[in-house]
Amino acid sequence: MNTSSEEKTIRQRQHQHQCQSIPHDEKVDIELRGGDGRGIKKKKRNGFVFLAFVIVIIMMSLLYAFAYNIINKDYIWEPSIPTTSSNQRDGQQEQIVVSSLLVSNPMQQLNFTLLEMTLLSEMNVQKEKNTNANSTDSPFQNCSATSNVEISNVGSTSWILHSLTQNDAKKTVGGDEFYITYTDNNAINTNSNKYTNSTDDNERIPTAVAFITDLNDGTYELNFKTTPFNDHPSNLSVTGTGLLVINLVFTCGIGSIPYPVKTNWTSSGKSNKKFTIENVPQPQLQYFTQPILPNLSKYKKVIFFGDSVIRDMISGDGESVPAARKKYFKPNVLFRKSVRSRISLDTVNHFQNHLLKKHGLDVVQNHGNVSLVMGSSVWDLYIPKNAEDTPGCLAQGSDFNNHILACRTIIEFVRKTFPYLKIYWKLPSAMHQHLIKCADVEDPRFRDWCKRSTKYMSSSRVEILYRKQKALMQELNVTYLDLYEASHLSAHNYLSKDGRHTLASWNRDVLEWFYPAN
């Protein structure tokens, strides 16, 4: 009994000594197992494996979040703006004006990502399909995203902008889309010259906007024209300098890509970056002149037929206000209900039936003293949620030929049905993709709608539609209403973050052009 008790005491002391030399966590494990510590090494190995597993999971989560954030941006490339020095104004870069204007690294392009390479690959394939089926050399093959620009010929009638790569190498292919404004320093200091739709109290109505010609070799010709309804171009600063704002909207021809190439894209692929140069020498300015437009005051009734852009020409009231209660800018105008459709061969019957149902009686009652203003553009670039099931969406393509054939059919129908009805065709106005800020839309449903519906809205696409419609109206001898130049010069008069619809104040002023005082 005594020997047994001594052995038991020795074993207990040995066990206690072992436990005292083991960290608390391992001691608990030994006690729970009832062991003597032989499982310690195995436990340590398992702990290292578990720690490595946790680290891998964390890294994968971070990579996923980073990739998700990039893919769901409102633009494909998000260049970083270098931190400004103490002698620079907030958000503006210190510039050096030499023989040419060089924007000093305003945009540092991210390295090419798999997503970017995929987009350019899709764009190149589509370009080849649309130009030459047998071509294997796309004009935008191996296009580098524009990261910088250089402006030369300052002091000449036309400035030349040269697109530069990330390494400041001059590009040799076109396809970039810009919106460029010049604001005289005197206008910047004039409180009455603030942007109507800007959220920035320091922004002013531009003195002039550039009309840009892509020379297809990496260079772009800039010709500046003064903005409509702006009294300040006659009051330029003594120094002859101002602020140049360059909006890089699309690069590498991505803006010209037609439906349905971008179906699976998360955005339009726009760059949509703005950078500025202060105290730029004033460019040679062409002065805007009011376009020649018909006198609508001579008609007893002028029917406006189409969608929201047509409606907004004559009223500040939206679609929900009945025609009888709408407040019109002029007493002889009328708009009943939006057609809510693009024009294609699939929708011709819808347009014709809508006209007869909503305005057939108006035409008859005002026989001989009535005119019709009609047109279509925004819906022809807008992409609905279920595009493949929407009449007309699949028909547009890169050339709008289906649309033009449908326009011809509708005009011929109106002429045949109402031989005495004078037709005026409203050509497309400019659309400003650089104003659209889908990422700022708070409601995720409307944010997704914004990204989807505006994927194909670009200056290059609108201009194709504009030129095609204009050529058709000239062929058919239809009087057209051309506000394209005025609207291009007036991005500051578009609804904030909209890019398609102009302000009621601008529409009211423009309508006066159709009602001469004398």
Protein backbone atom coordinates (compact mmCIF):
# COMPACT_ATOMS: atom_id res chain seq x y z
CA MET A 1 0.00 0.00 0.00
CA ASN A 2 2.78 2.44 0.93
CA THR A 3 4.75 1.57 -2.24
CA SER A 4 1.66 2.07 -4.34
CA SER A 5 0.92 5.46 -2.75
CA GLU A 6 4.50 6.65 -3.33
CA GLU A 7 4.39 5.64 -7.00
CA LYS A 8 1.08 7.44 -7.40
CA THR A 9 2.53 10.58 -5.79
CA ILE A 10 5.61 10.48 -8.08
CA ARG A 11 3.43 10.15 -11.18
CA GLN A 12 1.25 13.09 -10.05
CA ARG A 13 4.34 15.29 -9.49
CA GLN A 14 5.76 14.34 -12.91
CA HIS A 15 2.43 15.15 -14.55
CA GLN A 16 2.26 18.49 -12.67
CA HIS A 17 5.81 19.37 -13.76
CA GLN A 18 5.01 18.59 -17.40
CA CYS A 19 1.85 20.71 -17.29
CA GLN A 20 3.70 23.67 -15.76
CA SER A 21 6.12 23.71 -18.69
CA ILE A 22 3.34 23.64 -21.29
CA PRO A 23 1.45 26.78 -22.44
CA HIS A 24 -2.04 27.12 -21.02
CA ASP A 25 -3.89 26.24 -24.25
CA GLU A 26 -1.84 23.06 -24.76
CA LYS A 27 -2.16 22.12 -21.08
CA VAL A 28 -5.93 22.26 -21.34
CA ASP A 29 -5.78 20.07 -24.44
CA ILE A 30 -3.57 17.50 -22.66
CA GLU A 31 -5.82 17.41 -19.64
CA LEU A 32 -8.91 17.00 -21.79
CA ARG A 33 -7.25 14.16 -23.68
CA GLY A 34 -5.97 12.67 -20.42
CA GLY A 35 -2.59 12.37 -22.13
CA ASP A 36 0.92 13.15 -21.13
CA GLY A 37 1.85 15.69 -23.86
CA ARG A 38 2.75 13.35 -26.70
CA GLY A 39 0.07 15.05 -28.87
CA ILE A 40 1.67 18.53 -28.51
CA LYS A 41 3.70 18.41 -31.74
CA LYS A 42 0.73 17.13 -33.69
CA LYS A 43 -1.43 19.92 -32.25
CA LYS A 44 1.15 22.58 -33.18
CA ARG A 45 1.27 21.29 -36.75
CA ASN A 46 -2.53 21.40 -36.97
CA GLY A 47 -2.47 24.97 -35.63
CA PHE A 48 -0.05 26.10 -38.32
CA VAL A 49 -2.21 24.49 -41.01
CA PHE A 50 -5.32 26.20 -39.68
CA LEU A 51 -3.54 29.58 -39.54
CA ALA A 52 -2.36 29.20 -43.14
CA PHE A 53 -5.90 28.30 -44.20
CA VAL A 54 -7.30 31.45 -42.55
CA ILE A 55 -4.68 33.63 -44.27
CA VAL A 56 -5.54 32.13 -47.67
CA ILE A 57 -9.26 32.76 -47.10
CA ILE A 58 -8.60 36.41 -46.14
CA MET A 59 -6.42 36.99 -49.22
CA MET A 60 -9.01 35.44 -51.51
CA SER A 61 -11.72 37.66 -49.98
CA LEU A 62 -9.62 40.78 -50.53
CA LEU A 63 -8.90 39.82 -54.14
CA TYR A 64 -12.57 39.14 -54.78
CA ALA A 65 -13.60 42.49 -53.28
CA PHE A 66 -10.97 44.28 -55.38
CA ALA A 67 -12.09 42.55 -58.58
CA TYR A 68 -15.77 43.18 -57.83
CA ASN A 69 -15.06 46.85 -57.19
CA ILE A 70 -13.25 47.27 -60.52
CA ILE A 71 -15.81 45.38 -62.60
CA ASN A 72 -18.73 47.31 -61.15
CA LYS A 73 -17.27 50.75 -61.67
CA ASP A 74 -19.18 53.15 -63.91
CA TYR A 75 -16.12 53.25 -66.16
CA ILE A 76 -13.53 50.69 -67.17
CA TRP A 77 -10.37 52.65 -66.50
CA GLU A 78 -10.02 54.73 -63.37
CA PRO A 79 -6.79 56.69 -63.68
CA SER A 80 -5.46 58.23 -60.49
CA ILE A 81 -4.89 61.96 -60.23
CA PRO A 82 -1.52 62.89 -58.73
CA THR A 83 -1.62 64.77 -55.43
CA THR A 84 -1.52 68.51 -56.04
CA SER A 85 1.23 70.64 -54.57
CA SER A 86 0.64 73.53 -52.16
CA ASN A 87 0.67 76.13 -54.92
CA GLN A 88 -2.08 74.41 -56.90
CA ARG A 89 -5.80 74.96 -56.69
CA ASP A 90 -7.87 72.02 -55.46
CA GLY A 91 -8.50 69.50 -58.21
CA GLN A 92 -6.36 71.31 -60.77
CA GLN A 93 -2.85 70.55 -62.00
CA GLU A 94 0.01 73.00 -62.22
CA GLN A 95 0.55 73.56 -65.92
CA ILE A 96 3.53 74.75 -67.95
CA VAL A 97 2.75 76.65 -71.15
CA VAL A 98 5.58 76.40 -73.67
CA SER A 99 5.41 76.14 -77.45
CA SER A 100 2.58 73.72 -76.87
CA LEU A 101 0.29 72.97 -73.96
CA LEU A 102 1.28 69.76 -72.24
CA VAL A 103 -1.03 68.38 -69.61
CA SER A 104 1.47 67.23 -67.01
CA ASN A 105 0.49 63.67 -66.20
CA PRO A 106 -3.14 64.49 -65.37
CA MET A 107 -4.07 60.84 -65.72
CA GLN A 108 -1.95 57.87 -64.76
CA GLN A 109 -3.49 54.86 -66.43
CA LEU A 110 -3.75 51.60 -64.52
CA ASN A 111 -1.91 48.65 -65.95
CA PHE A 112 -3.91 46.67 -68.47
CA THR A 113 -6.24 44.30 -66.70
CA LEU A 114 -7.85 41.17 -68.08
CA LEU A 115 -11.15 43.04 -68.22
CA GLU A 116 -9.66 45.90 -70.26
CA MET A 117 -8.01 43.49 -72.69
CA THR A 118 -11.32 41.67 -73.08
CA LEU A 119 -13.18 44.87 -73.90
CA LEU A 120 -10.62 45.93 -76.50
CA SER A 121 -10.67 42.44 -77.99
CA GLU A 122 -14.46 42.54 -78.32
CA MET A 123 -14.27 46.01 -79.84
CA ASN A 124 -11.66 44.92 -82.40
CA VAL A 125 -13.72 41.90 -83.44
CA GLN A 126 -16.79 44.07 -83.95
CA LYS A 127 -14.79 46.64 -85.91
CA GLU A 128 -13.57 43.96 -88.27
CA LYS A 129 -17.09 42.63 -88.77
CA ASN A 130 -18.43 46.08 -89.57
CA THR A 131 -15.65 47.17 -91.92
CA ASN A 132 -14.37 44.20 -93.84
CA ALA A 133 -15.33 40.59 -93.18
CA ASN A 134 -12.01 39.43 -94.60
CA SER A 135 -9.91 41.95 -92.72
CA THR A 136 -7.56 40.69 -90.04
CA ASP A 137 -6.07 44.08 -89.22
CA SER A 138 -8.50 46.24 -87.25
CA PRO A 139 -7.70 49.99 -87.27
CA PHE A 140 -7.80 49.89 -83.46
CA GLN A 141 -5.71 46.75 -83.04
CA ASN A 142 -3.36 47.07 -80.06
CA CYS A 143 -4.85 50.43 -79.11
CA SER A 144 -3.47 51.82 -75.85
CA ALA A 145 -5.92 53.69 -73.64
CA THR A 146 -5.34 57.45 -73.74
CA SER A 147 -3.71 58.65 -70.51
CA ASN A 148 -2.52 62.13 -71.45
CA VAL A 149 -2.86 64.76 -74.16
CA GLU A 150 -0.69 67.38 -75.79
CA ILE A 151 -2.12 70.49 -77.47
CA SER A 152 -0.21 72.33 -80.18
CA ASN A 153 -0.92 75.08 -82.77
CA VAL A 154 -1.97 77.39 -79.94
CA GLY A 155 -2.58 80.79 -81.51
CA SER A 156 -3.78 79.31 -84.80
CA THR A 157 -7.38 79.07 -85.96
CA SER A 158 -7.46 75.36 -85.19
CA TRP A 159 -5.69 73.76 -82.26
CA ILE A 160 -4.35 70.21 -82.53
CA LEU A 161 -4.77 67.76 -79.68
CA HIS A 162 -2.54 64.68 -79.70
CA SER A 163 -3.51 61.66 -77.60
CA LEU A 164 -0.70 60.15 -75.55
CA THR A 165 -0.27 56.75 -73.95
CA GLN A 166 0.63 56.08 -70.33
CA ASN A 167 4.29 56.53 -71.23
CA ASP A 168 3.54 59.83 -73.06
CA ALA A 169 4.12 58.21 -76.44
CA LYS A 170 2.05 59.76 -79.23
CA LYS A 171 -0.74 57.52 -80.43
CA THR A 172 -1.21 56.80 -84.14
CA VAL A 173 -4.89 55.72 -84.11
CA GLY A 174 -8.02 57.75 -83.39
CA GLY A 175 -11.24 56.73 -81.72
CA ASP A 176 -11.07 58.95 -78.63
CA GLU A 177 -14.05 61.13 -77.71
CA PHE A 178 -13.67 64.40 -75.81
CA TYR A 179 -15.80 67.30 -74.65
CA ILE A 180 -13.62 70.41 -74.31
CA THR A 181 -14.60 73.86 -73.06
CA TYR A 182 -12.85 77.21 -72.71
CA THR A 183 -14.01 79.72 -70.07
CA ASP A 184 -12.58 83.22 -70.12
CA ASN A 185 -11.05 84.41 -66.85
CA ASN A 186 -13.41 87.38 -66.80
CA ALA A 187 -16.40 85.02 -66.99
CA ILE A 188 -14.98 82.93 -64.14
CA ASN A 189 -15.04 86.04 -61.94
CA THR A 190 -18.62 86.96 -62.89
CA ASN A 191 -21.18 85.73 -60.37
CA SER A 192 -24.08 86.00 -62.84
CA ASN A 193 -22.41 83.50 -65.15
CA LYS A 194 -22.81 80.36 -63.04
CA TYR A 195 -23.69 76.97 -64.48
CA THR A 196 -27.41 76.45 -64.39
CA ASN A 197 -27.19 72.73 -63.63
CA SER A 198 -23.85 72.48 -61.80
CA THR A 199 -23.36 71.36 -58.22
CA ASP A 200 -20.06 73.25 -58.13
CA ASP A 201 -20.53 76.90 -57.17
CA ASN A 202 -17.22 77.78 -58.84
CA GLU A 203 -18.17 76.56 -62.31
CA ARG A 204 -19.23 79.07 -64.92
CA ILE A 205 -20.94 78.90 -68.29
CA PRO A 206 -18.19 78.20 -70.86
CA THR A 207 -17.22 81.00 -73.17
CA ALA A 208 -16.75 78.49 -75.99
CA VAL A 209 -16.88 74.77 -76.73
CA ALA A 210 -14.65 72.88 -79.16
CA PHE A 211 -15.97 71.11 -82.23
CA ILE A 212 -13.61 68.17 -82.54
CA THR A 213 -12.57 66.41 -85.75
CA ASP A 214 -10.91 63.02 -85.38
CA LEU A 215 -8.06 62.92 -87.92
CA ASN A 216 -7.72 59.14 -87.37
CA ASP A 217 -4.00 59.29 -86.67
CA GLY A 218 -4.02 60.03 -82.94
CA THR A 219 -4.61 63.76 -83.47
CA TYR A 220 -7.79 65.83 -83.22
CA GLU A 221 -8.57 69.26 -84.67
CA LEU A 222 -10.20 71.69 -82.23
CA ASN A 223 -12.30 74.64 -83.42
CA PHE A 224 -13.94 76.73 -80.69
CA LYS A 225 -17.35 78.35 -81.02
CA THR A 226 -19.10 80.54 -78.45
CA THR A 227 -22.06 79.19 -76.49
CA PRO A 228 -25.69 80.24 -77.23
CA PHE A 229 -27.51 82.71 -74.95
CA ASN A 230 -24.22 83.85 -73.44
CA ASP A 231 -23.61 87.61 -73.36
CA HIS A 232 -20.13 87.29 -71.92
CA PRO A 233 -18.12 86.41 -75.06
CA SER A 234 -18.25 90.14 -75.87
CA ASN A 235 -16.64 90.94 -72.51
CA LEU A 236 -13.38 88.98 -72.62
CA SER A 237 -10.58 89.48 -70.13
CA VAL A 238 -7.79 91.94 -70.85
CA THR A 239 -5.18 89.22 -70.39
CA GLY A 240 -6.81 87.02 -73.03
CA THR A 241 -6.53 83.89 -70.94
CA GLY A 242 -8.93 81.40 -69.42
CA LEU A 243 -9.60 77.90 -68.16
CA LEU A 244 -9.46 74.88 -70.47
CA VAL A 245 -11.46 71.83 -69.33
CA ILE A 246 -10.86 68.54 -71.14
CA ASN A 247 -13.34 65.70 -70.59
CA LEU A 248 -11.96 62.40 -71.88
CA VAL A 249 -15.17 60.41 -72.43
CA PHE A 250 -14.20 57.33 -74.48
CA THR A 251 -10.92 55.94 -75.78
CA CYS A 252 -9.93 53.44 -78.48
CA GLY A 253 -13.24 53.63 -80.36
CA ILE A 254 -15.27 52.15 -77.50
CA GLY A 255 -17.87 54.92 -77.87
CA SER A 256 -18.67 53.85 -81.43
CA ILE A 257 -19.35 50.19 -80.58
CA PRO A 258 -22.92 49.32 -81.65
CA TYR A 259 -25.57 47.14 -80.06
CA PRO A 260 -25.44 44.29 -78.99
CA VAL A 261 -21.66 44.01 -78.39
CA LYS A 262 -21.85 45.48 -74.86
CA THR A 263 -24.72 43.26 -73.72
CA ASN A 264 -22.68 41.57 -70.99
CA TRP A 265 -20.63 44.64 -70.06
CA THR A 266 -21.23 46.21 -66.67
CA SER A 267 -21.00 49.76 -68.08
CA SER A 268 -20.59 51.75 -71.28
CA GLY A 269 -16.80 51.42 -71.09
CA LYS A 270 -16.29 55.14 -70.75
CA SER A 271 -13.22 56.77 -69.20
CA ASN A 272 -15.14 59.91 -68.21
CA LYS A 273 -12.31 61.82 -66.60
CA LYS A 274 -11.98 65.60 -66.40
CA PHE A 275 -8.78 67.60 -66.05
CA THR A 276 -8.03 71.30 -66.43
CA ILE A 277 -5.37 73.80 -67.48
CA GLU A 278 -5.43 77.32 -66.07
CA ASN A 279 -4.48 80.58 -67.80
CA VAL A 280 -4.55 79.13 -71.30
CA PRO A 281 -4.24 81.64 -74.16
CA GLN A 282 -7.66 82.37 -75.63
CA PRO A 283 -8.31 80.30 -78.77
CA GLN A 284 -9.59 82.01 -81.90
CA LEU A 285 -13.36 82.02 -81.47
CA GLN A 286 -16.11 81.54 -84.00
CA TYR A 287 -19.32 83.20 -82.88
CA PHE A 288 -22.49 81.14 -82.65
CA THR A 289 -25.30 82.29 -84.90
CA GLN A 290 -28.94 81.30 -84.58
CA PRO A 291 -29.87 78.56 -87.08
CA ILE A 292 -32.40 79.20 -89.83
CA LEU A 293 -35.68 77.69 -88.67
CA PRO A 294 -39.31 77.83 -89.90
CA ASN A 295 -41.84 80.28 -88.51
CA LEU A 296 -44.36 78.26 -86.50
CA SER A 297 -46.45 81.25 -85.46
CA LYS A 298 -48.30 81.16 -88.80
CA TYR A 299 -50.11 77.92 -87.95
CA LYS A 300 -53.31 77.63 -85.95
CA LYS A 301 -52.06 74.38 -84.46
CA VAL A 302 -48.59 72.79 -84.32
CA ILE A 303 -48.64 69.13 -83.27
CA PHE A 304 -45.50 67.83 -81.56
CA PHE A 305 -45.30 64.05 -81.97
CA GLY A 306 -42.66 61.77 -80.44
CA ASP A 307 -41.21 61.24 -76.99
CA SER A 308 -39.82 63.28 -74.10
CA VAL A 309 -37.29 65.30 -76.13
CA ILE A 310 -40.05 66.43 -78.51
CA ARG A 311 -42.41 67.13 -75.60
CA ASP A 312 -39.81 69.18 -73.73
CA MET A 313 -39.45 71.53 -76.71
CA ILE A 314 -42.82 73.10 -75.89
CA SER A 315 -43.57 72.37 -72.23
CA GLY A 316 -41.89 72.01 -68.87
CA ASP A 317 -44.56 69.57 -67.72
CA GLY A 318 -43.81 65.86 -67.70
CA GLU A 319 -45.68 62.92 -69.16
CA SER A 320 -48.01 62.57 -66.16
CA VAL A 321 -49.71 65.93 -66.84
CA PRO A 322 -52.69 65.51 -69.25
CA ALA A 323 -52.52 67.41 -72.53
CA ALA A 324 -55.51 69.58 -71.58
CA ARG A 325 -53.76 70.79 -68.41
CA LYS A 326 -50.23 71.14 -69.75
CA LYS A 327 -48.70 74.60 -69.58
CA TYR A 328 -47.22 75.24 -73.01
CA PHE A 329 -44.58 77.82 -73.90
CA LYS A 330 -46.74 78.92 -76.87
CA PRO A 331 -50.55 78.93 -77.33
CA ASN A 332 -50.68 77.10 -80.69
CA VAL A 333 -48.64 74.00 -79.76
CA LEU A 334 -49.90 70.58 -78.65
CA PHE A 335 -48.44 67.34 -77.33
CA ARG A 336 -50.76 64.54 -76.23
CA LYS A 337 -48.82 61.41 -75.28
CA SER A 338 -45.35 59.94 -75.79
CA VAL A 339 -44.95 57.23 -78.40
CA ARG A 340 -42.53 55.42 -76.06
CA SER A 341 -40.74 53.52 -78.79
CA ARG A 342 -37.73 53.63 -81.10
CA ILE A 343 -38.28 53.81 -84.85
CA SER A 344 -37.59 50.60 -86.76
CA LEU A 345 -39.39 48.45 -89.31
CA ASP A 346 -40.76 46.49 -86.34
CA THR A 347 -42.40 49.59 -84.83
CA VAL A 348 -43.72 51.39 -87.93
CA ASN A 349 -47.30 50.22 -87.32
CA HIS A 350 -47.12 51.37 -83.72
CA PHE A 351 -46.05 54.88 -84.80
CA GLN A 352 -48.70 55.12 -87.49
CA ASN A 353 -51.51 53.90 -85.23
CA HIS A 354 -50.40 56.20 -82.40
CA LEU A 355 -50.48 59.22 -84.72
CA LEU A 356 -53.95 58.39 -86.03
CA LYS A 357 -55.37 57.65 -82.59
CA LYS A 358 -53.90 60.66 -80.75
CA HIS A 359 -53.79 63.31 -83.46
CA GLY A 360 -56.01 62.26 -86.35
CA LEU A 361 -58.86 64.48 -85.14
CA ASP A 362 -56.48 67.40 -84.43
CA VAL A 363 -55.28 67.31 -88.04
CA VAL A 364 -58.83 67.17 -89.45
CA GLN A 365 -60.17 69.95 -87.24
CA ASN A 366 -57.33 72.29 -88.23
CA HIS A 367 -57.35 71.32 -91.92
CA GLY A 368 -55.10 73.54 -93.99
CA ASN A 369 -53.67 75.39 -91.01
CA VAL A 370 -51.78 72.71 -89.11
CA SER A 371 -48.23 71.34 -89.05
CA LEU A 372 -46.53 68.31 -87.53
CA VAL A 373 -43.17 68.31 -85.72
CA MET A 374 -41.82 64.79 -85.21
CA GLY A 375 -38.53 62.95 -84.74
CA SER A 376 -36.74 60.20 -82.83
CA SER A 377 -33.24 59.77 -81.43
CA VAL A 378 -32.89 59.06 -77.69
CA TRP A 379 -34.99 55.91 -77.79
CA ASP A 380 -32.95 54.71 -80.77
CA LEU A 381 -29.85 54.65 -78.56
CA TYR A 382 -31.56 53.64 -75.32
CA ILE A 383 -31.37 49.97 -74.33
CA PRO A 384 -34.28 48.56 -72.25
CA LYS A 385 -34.00 45.74 -69.74
CA ASN A 386 -35.27 42.99 -72.03
CA ALA A 387 -33.73 44.30 -75.23
CA GLU A 388 -33.94 41.00 -77.09
CA ASP A 389 -37.72 41.02 -76.63
CA THR A 390 -38.21 44.72 -77.42
CA PRO A 391 -39.26 45.63 -80.99
CA GLY A 392 -36.58 47.52 -82.85
CA CYS A 393 -33.68 46.99 -80.42
CA LEU A 394 -31.98 44.27 -82.41
CA ALA A 395 -32.41 46.14 -85.68
CA GLN A 396 -30.19 49.19 -85.20
CA GLY A 397 -26.66 47.80 -85.62
CA SER A 398 -23.79 50.07 -86.52
CA ASP A 399 -25.36 51.93 -89.45
CA PHE A 400 -29.01 52.56 -88.43
CA ASN A 401 -30.14 51.44 -91.91
CA ASN A 402 -33.21 49.73 -90.49
CA HIS A 403 -34.11 52.92 -88.64
CA ILE A 404 -33.71 55.06 -91.77
CA LEU A 405 -35.92 52.74 -93.83
CA ALA A 406 -38.57 52.95 -91.11
CA CYS A 407 -38.37 56.78 -91.03
CA ARG A 408 -38.93 56.83 -94.79
CA THR A 409 -41.95 54.55 -94.43
CA ILE A 410 -43.53 56.72 -91.72
CA ILE A 411 -43.06 59.95 -93.66
CA GLU A 412 -44.57 58.41 -96.79
CA PHE A 413 -47.54 57.19 -94.71
CA VAL A 414 -48.16 60.67 -93.22
CA ARG A 415 -47.94 62.31 -96.64
CA LYS A 416 -50.38 59.81 -98.12
CA THR A 417 -52.83 59.97 -95.20
CA PHE A 418 -52.73 63.78 -94.73
CA PRO A 419 -51.57 65.35 -98.04
CA TYR A 420 -52.16 68.88 -96.75
CA LEU A 421 -50.18 68.40 -93.49
CA LYS A 422 -46.84 70.21 -93.35
CA ILE A 423 -44.15 67.93 -91.84
CA TYR A 424 -41.13 69.18 -89.90
CA TRP A 425 -38.55 66.61 -88.82
CA LYS A 426 -36.57 67.30 -85.63
CA LEU A 427 -33.02 65.99 -86.15
CA PRO A 428 -31.16 64.44 -83.18
CA SER A 429 -29.68 66.79 -80.62
CA ALA A 430 -26.28 66.16 -79.08
CA MET A 431 -26.09 63.77 -76.13
CA HIS A 432 -23.50 64.23 -73.43
CA GLN A 433 -22.24 60.97 -71.94
CA HIS A 434 -19.73 62.86 -69.77
CA LEU A 435 -22.63 64.26 -67.73
CA ILE A 436 -24.05 60.86 -66.82
CA LYS A 437 -23.04 59.72 -63.33
CA CYS A 438 -24.62 56.31 -62.78
CA ALA A 439 -22.38 55.65 -59.77
CA ASP A 440 -24.04 58.58 -57.97
CA VAL A 441 -27.52 57.07 -58.23
CA GLU A 442 -28.45 55.95 -54.72
CA ASP A 443 -31.14 53.40 -55.55
CA PRO A 444 -29.33 50.28 -56.88
CA ARG A 445 -32.26 49.46 -59.18
CA PHE A 446 -32.05 52.82 -60.94
CA ARG A 447 -28.25 52.67 -60.86
CA ASP A 448 -28.33 49.41 -62.82
CA TRP A 449 -30.93 50.85 -65.19
CA CYS A 450 -28.73 53.90 -65.76
CA LYS A 451 -25.71 51.77 -66.66
CA ARG A 452 -27.68 49.46 -68.93
CA SER A 453 -29.73 52.04 -70.79
CA THR A 454 -26.83 54.39 -71.63
CA LYS A 455 -24.23 51.84 -72.77
CA TYR A 456 -24.47 52.96 -76.42
CA MET A 457 -24.98 56.67 -75.87
CA SER A 458 -21.97 58.51 -77.28
CA SER A 459 -21.15 61.50 -79.46
CA SER A 460 -19.99 59.25 -82.28
CA ARG A 461 -23.21 57.19 -82.32
CA VAL A 462 -25.43 60.28 -82.13
CA GLU A 463 -23.53 61.93 -84.97
CA ILE A 464 -24.04 58.89 -87.22
CA LEU A 465 -27.78 59.02 -86.52
CA TYR A 466 -27.85 62.78 -87.10
CA ARG A 467 -26.11 62.60 -90.48
CA LYS A 468 -28.23 59.68 -91.68
CA GLN A 469 -31.51 61.38 -90.77
CA LYS A 470 -30.38 64.67 -92.32
CA ALA A 471 -29.47 62.99 -95.61
CA LEU A 472 -32.87 61.23 -95.71
CA MET A 473 -34.81 64.46 -95.11
CA GLN A 474 -32.86 66.21 -97.84
CA GLU A 475 -33.66 63.35 -100.21
CA LEU A 476 -37.38 63.41 -99.32
CA ASN A 477 -37.53 67.22 -99.38
CA VAL A 478 -38.74 67.35 -95.77
CA THR A 479 -37.98 70.51 -93.81
CA TYR A 480 -35.78 69.57 -90.87
CA LEU A 481 -35.16 71.34 -87.58
CA ASP A 482 -31.43 71.30 -86.87
CA LEU A 483 -30.47 72.08 -83.27
CA TYR A 484 -27.45 69.79 -83.20
CA GLU A 485 -24.82 72.54 -83.10
CA ALA A 486 -26.65 74.56 -80.45
CA SER A 487 -27.13 71.50 -78.25
CA HIS A 488 -23.48 70.44 -78.62
CA LEU A 489 -22.44 73.85 -77.33
CA SER A 490 -24.89 73.65 -74.42
CA ALA A 491 -23.98 70.70 -72.19
CA HIS A 492 -24.26 73.14 -69.28
CA ASN A 493 -27.97 73.47 -70.14
CA TYR A 494 -28.70 69.75 -69.86
CA LEU A 495 -30.32 68.19 -66.81
CA SER A 496 -27.76 67.37 -64.16
CA LYS A 497 -26.37 63.81 -64.54
CA ASP A 498 -28.81 63.16 -67.42
CA GLY A 499 -27.01 63.96 -70.67
CA ARG A 500 -30.12 63.64 -72.86
CA HIS A 501 -32.72 66.22 -71.80
CA THR A 502 -32.25 69.98 -71.80
CA LEU A 503 -33.51 72.38 -69.14
CA ALA A 504 -36.94 73.97 -69.54
CA SER A 505 -35.34 77.44 -69.58
CA TRP A 506 -33.16 76.48 -72.55
CA ASN A 507 -36.11 74.88 -74.39
CA ARG A 508 -38.18 78.01 -73.87
CA ASP A 509 -35.42 80.23 -75.25
CA VAL A 510 -34.85 77.95 -78.25
CA LEU A 511 -38.56 77.86 -79.07
CA GLU A 512 -38.43 81.62 -79.52
CA TRP A 513 -36.28 81.01 -82.60
CA PHE A 514 -39.39 79.55 -84.22
CA TYR A 515 -41.46 82.64 -83.35
CA PRO A 516 -39.70 85.71 -84.76
CA ALA A 517 -40.79 88.98 -83.19
CA ASN A 518 -41.61 90.63 -86.52
